[in-house]
Amino acid sequence: METVTISPKFQVVIPQKIREAMGLRSGEKAKVISFRNRIEIIPMRDVRSLRGYLKGIDTSFVRDGDRV
């Protein structure tokens, strides 16, 4: 877990290890939400960047008898 300091202008710097692990770049947009007494920063990704995200997952399942 990393620790950051909130500046007088209420700004924070995302630590380098986290920026690199998440592939964040300067100028990217992110959503900031309050959730269960914590702050979450969620990068806004282009839908095209998610292509192939679910590749290889098992889509087989047992259907009920009354379903096609």
C-alpha atoms as a PDB file:
ATOM      1  CA  MET A   1       0.000   0.000   0.000  1.00  0.00           C
ATOM      2  CA  GLU A   2       1.289   3.427  -0.927  1.00  0.00           C
ATOM      3  CA  THR A   3       0.828   6.651   1.036  1.00  0.00           C
ATOM      4  CA  VAL A   4       0.161  10.010  -0.613  1.00  0.00           C
ATOM      5  CA  THR A   5      -0.138  13.542   0.742  1.00  0.00           C
ATOM      6  CA  ILE A   6      -3.073  15.803  -0.049  1.00  0.00           C
ATOM      7  CA  SER A   7      -1.805  19.223  -1.129  1.00  0.00           C
ATOM      8  CA  PRO A   8      -3.352  22.546  -0.013  1.00  0.00           C
ATOM      9  CA  LYS A   9      -5.168  22.514  -3.382  1.00  0.00           C
ATOM     10  CA  PHE A  10      -6.530  19.008  -2.584  1.00  0.00           C
ATOM     11  CA  GLN A  11      -4.325  17.370  -5.222  1.00  0.00           C
ATOM     12  CA  VAL A  12      -2.616  13.993  -4.908  1.00  0.00           C
ATOM     13  CA  VAL A  13       0.158  12.367  -6.931  1.00  0.00           C
ATOM     14  CA  ILE A  14      -0.380   8.745  -7.924  1.00  0.00           C
ATOM     15  CA  PRO A  15       2.818   6.856  -7.030  1.00  0.00           C
ATOM     16  CA  GLN A  16       5.015   5.795  -9.953  1.00  0.00           C
ATOM     17  CA  LYS A  17       4.705   2.051  -9.272  1.00  0.00           C
ATOM     18  CA  ILE A  18       0.918   2.288  -9.438  1.00  0.00           C
ATOM     19  CA  ARG A  19       0.964   4.506 -12.557  1.00  0.00           C
ATOM     20  CA  GLU A  20       3.179   2.022 -14.355  1.00  0.00           C
ATOM     21  CA  ALA A  21       1.214  -1.039 -13.212  1.00  0.00           C
ATOM     22  CA  MET A  22      -2.063   0.542 -14.364  1.00  0.00           C
ATOM     23  CA  GLY A  23      -0.617   1.939 -17.592  1.00  0.00           C
ATOM     24  CA  LEU A  24      -1.689   5.484 -16.737  1.00  0.00           C
ATOM     25  CA  ARG A  25      -0.535   8.396 -18.874  1.00  0.00           C
ATOM     26  CA  SER A  26      -0.512  12.126 -18.377  1.00  0.00           C
ATOM     27  CA  GLY A  27      -3.741  13.792 -19.466  1.00  0.00           C
ATOM     28  CA  GLU A  28      -5.937  10.711 -19.065  1.00  0.00           C
ATOM     29  CA  LYS A  29      -9.371  11.170 -17.489  1.00  0.00           C
ATOM     30  CA  ALA A  30     -10.541   9.296 -14.405  1.00  0.00           C
ATOM     31  CA  LYS A  31     -13.713   9.050 -12.349  1.00  0.00           C
ATOM     32  CA  VAL A  32     -13.465   9.728  -8.617  1.00  0.00           C
ATOM     33  CA  ILE A  33     -16.117   8.192  -6.388  1.00  0.00           C
ATOM     34  CA  SER A  34     -16.781   7.932  -2.678  1.00  0.00           C
ATOM     35  CA  PHE A  35     -17.484   4.302  -1.719  1.00  0.00           C
ATOM     36  CA  ARG A  36     -17.886   2.899   1.797  1.00  0.00           C
ATOM     37  CA  ASN A  37     -15.824   5.587   3.515  1.00  0.00           C
ATOM     38  CA  ARG A  38     -13.003   5.530   0.956  1.00  0.00           C
ATOM     39  CA  ILE A  39     -12.057   7.331  -2.261  1.00  0.00           C
ATOM     40  CA  GLU A  40     -11.679   5.351  -5.491  1.00  0.00           C
ATOM     41  CA  ILE A  41     -10.067   6.622  -8.695  1.00  0.00           C
ATOM     42  CA  ILE A  42     -11.199   4.737 -11.791  1.00  0.00           C
ATOM     43  CA  PRO A  43      -9.412   5.377 -15.102  1.00  0.00           C
ATOM     44  CA  MET A  44     -11.776   6.042 -18.002  1.00  0.00           C
ATOM     45  CA  ARG A  45     -10.748   3.637 -20.751  1.00  0.00           C
ATOM     46  CA  ASP A  46     -11.780   3.665 -24.386  1.00  0.00           C
ATOM     47  CA  VAL A  47     -14.064   0.716 -25.155  1.00  0.00           C
ATOM     48  CA  ARG A  48     -11.669  -0.366 -27.921  1.00  0.00           C
ATOM     49  CA  SER A  49      -8.918  -0.888 -25.346  1.00  0.00           C
ATOM     50  CA  LEU A  50     -11.054  -3.619 -23.753  1.00  0.00           C
ATOM     51  CA  ARG A  51     -11.074  -5.727 -26.930  1.00  0.00           C
ATOM     52  CA  GLY A  52      -9.994  -9.273 -26.123  1.00  0.00           C
ATOM     53  CA  TYR A  53     -10.403  -8.722 -22.385  1.00  0.00           C
ATOM     54  CA  LEU A  54     -12.534 -11.855 -21.968  1.00  0.00           C
ATOM     55  CA  LYS A  55     -10.674 -14.006 -24.482  1.00  0.00           C
ATOM     56  CA  GLY A  56     -10.417 -17.599 -23.370  1.00  0.00           C
ATOM     57  CA  ILE A  57     -13.114 -17.602 -20.683  1.00  0.00           C
ATOM     58  CA  ASP A  58     -15.285 -20.698 -20.337  1.00  0.00           C
ATOM     59  CA  THR A  59     -18.747 -19.864 -21.701  1.00  0.00           C
ATOM     60  CA  SER A  60     -20.224 -23.344 -21.310  1.00  0.00           C
ATOM     61  CA  PHE A  61     -23.001 -23.799 -18.767  1.00  0.00           C
ATOM     62  CA  VAL A  62     -26.009 -26.050 -18.221  1.00  0.00           C
ATOM     63  CA  ARG A  63     -29.299 -24.621 -19.511  1.00  0.00           C
ATOM     64  CA  ASP A  64     -32.650 -25.315 -17.911  1.00  0.00           C
ATOM     65  CA  GLY A  65     -34.794 -27.815 -19.821  1.00  0.00           C
ATOM     66  CA  ASP A  66     -37.417 -25.204 -20.778  1.00  0.00           C
ATOM     67  CA  ARG A  67     -34.832 -22.916 -22.395  1.00  0.00           C
ATOM     68  CA  VAL A  68     -33.492 -23.148 -25.919  1.00  0.00           C
END
